[in-house]
């Protein structure tokens, strides 16, 4: 299932922004990676939990029911 976010004021986006700081990454045990190559590598290693994307073509090679997909429009 794909969720869609249409506002930069969405609480989810605000929480992601906080992950720029190390203390929030450590506190939440979450991190951000960018680029298809790194996302695919995380998927193959089994550490991918969520994918935030703009274009659906970006996720065409990642099909898993264990991952939350979030589209930003």
Protein backbone atom coordinates (compact mmCIF):
# COMPACT_ATOMS: atom_id res chain seq x y z
CA UNK A 1 0.00 0.00 0.00
CA UNK A 2 1.22 3.48 -0.85
CA UNK A 3 0.43 6.45 1.40
CA UNK A 4 0.53 9.94 -0.08
CA UNK A 5 1.77 13.15 1.55
CA UNK A 6 0.79 16.43 -0.06
CA UNK A 7 1.97 18.97 2.52
CA UNK A 8 5.38 19.94 3.85
CA UNK A 9 3.63 20.61 7.18
CA UNK A 10 2.85 16.91 7.57
CA UNK A 11 4.13 15.62 10.96
CA UNK A 12 5.86 12.70 9.21
CA UNK A 13 7.92 15.11 7.09
CA UNK A 14 8.79 17.16 10.17
CA UNK A 15 10.02 14.00 11.94
CA UNK A 16 12.15 13.08 8.93
CA UNK A 17 13.70 16.53 8.93
CA UNK A 18 14.82 15.99 12.53
CA UNK A 19 16.83 12.97 11.41
CA UNK A 20 19.43 15.36 10.01
CA UNK A 21 20.69 15.59 13.60
CA UNK A 22 22.61 12.63 15.02
CA UNK A 23 20.80 12.70 18.38
CA UNK A 24 17.44 12.11 16.67
CA UNK A 25 18.86 9.33 14.49
CA UNK A 26 20.19 7.58 17.59
CA UNK A 27 17.03 8.20 19.60
CA UNK A 28 14.71 6.86 16.89
CA UNK A 29 17.10 4.24 15.50
CA UNK A 30 16.33 5.55 12.02
CA UNK A 31 18.41 7.09 9.28
CA UNK A 32 17.97 8.57 5.84
CA UNK A 33 19.60 7.37 2.65
CA UNK A 34 19.23 9.00 -0.75
CA UNK A 35 19.51 7.63 -4.23
CA UNK A 36 18.22 4.50 -5.88
CA UNK A 37 21.51 2.60 -5.54
CA UNK A 38 21.61 3.01 -1.74
CA UNK A 39 17.89 2.28 -1.36
CA UNK A 40 18.23 -0.91 -3.38
CA UNK A 41 21.29 -1.98 -1.36
CA UNK A 42 19.39 -1.43 1.92
CA UNK A 43 16.49 -3.45 0.49
CA UNK A 44 18.79 -6.34 -0.46
CA UNK A 45 20.34 -6.29 3.04
CA UNK A 46 16.90 -6.38 4.66
CA UNK A 47 17.24 -3.13 6.61
CA UNK A 48 14.78 -1.06 4.58
CA UNK A 49 11.63 -0.14 6.52
CA UNK A 50 10.19 2.82 4.60
CA UNK A 51 10.67 4.40 1.20
CA UNK A 52 9.80 8.03 0.60
CA UNK A 53 9.63 8.80 -3.10
CA UNK A 54 8.41 11.30 -5.66
CA UNK A 55 8.05 9.16 -8.80
CA UNK A 56 6.61 5.64 -8.82
CA UNK A 57 9.30 4.55 -11.30
CA UNK A 58 11.76 5.06 -8.43
CA UNK A 59 10.37 2.02 -6.62
CA UNK A 60 9.50 -0.31 -9.49
CA UNK A 61 12.26 -2.81 -8.55
CA UNK A 62 11.33 -2.94 -4.86
CA UNK A 63 8.31 -5.11 -4.14
CA UNK A 64 7.89 -6.10 -0.52
CA UNK A 65 4.97 -6.21 1.86
CA UNK A 66 7.36 -5.44 4.76
CA UNK A 67 8.12 -1.92 3.51
CA UNK A 68 6.00 1.22 3.89
CA UNK A 69 5.91 3.27 0.70
CA UNK A 70 5.15 6.98 1.02
CA UNK A 71 4.66 9.16 -2.05
CA UNK A 72 5.36 12.88 -1.81
CA UNK A 73 3.42 15.02 -4.25
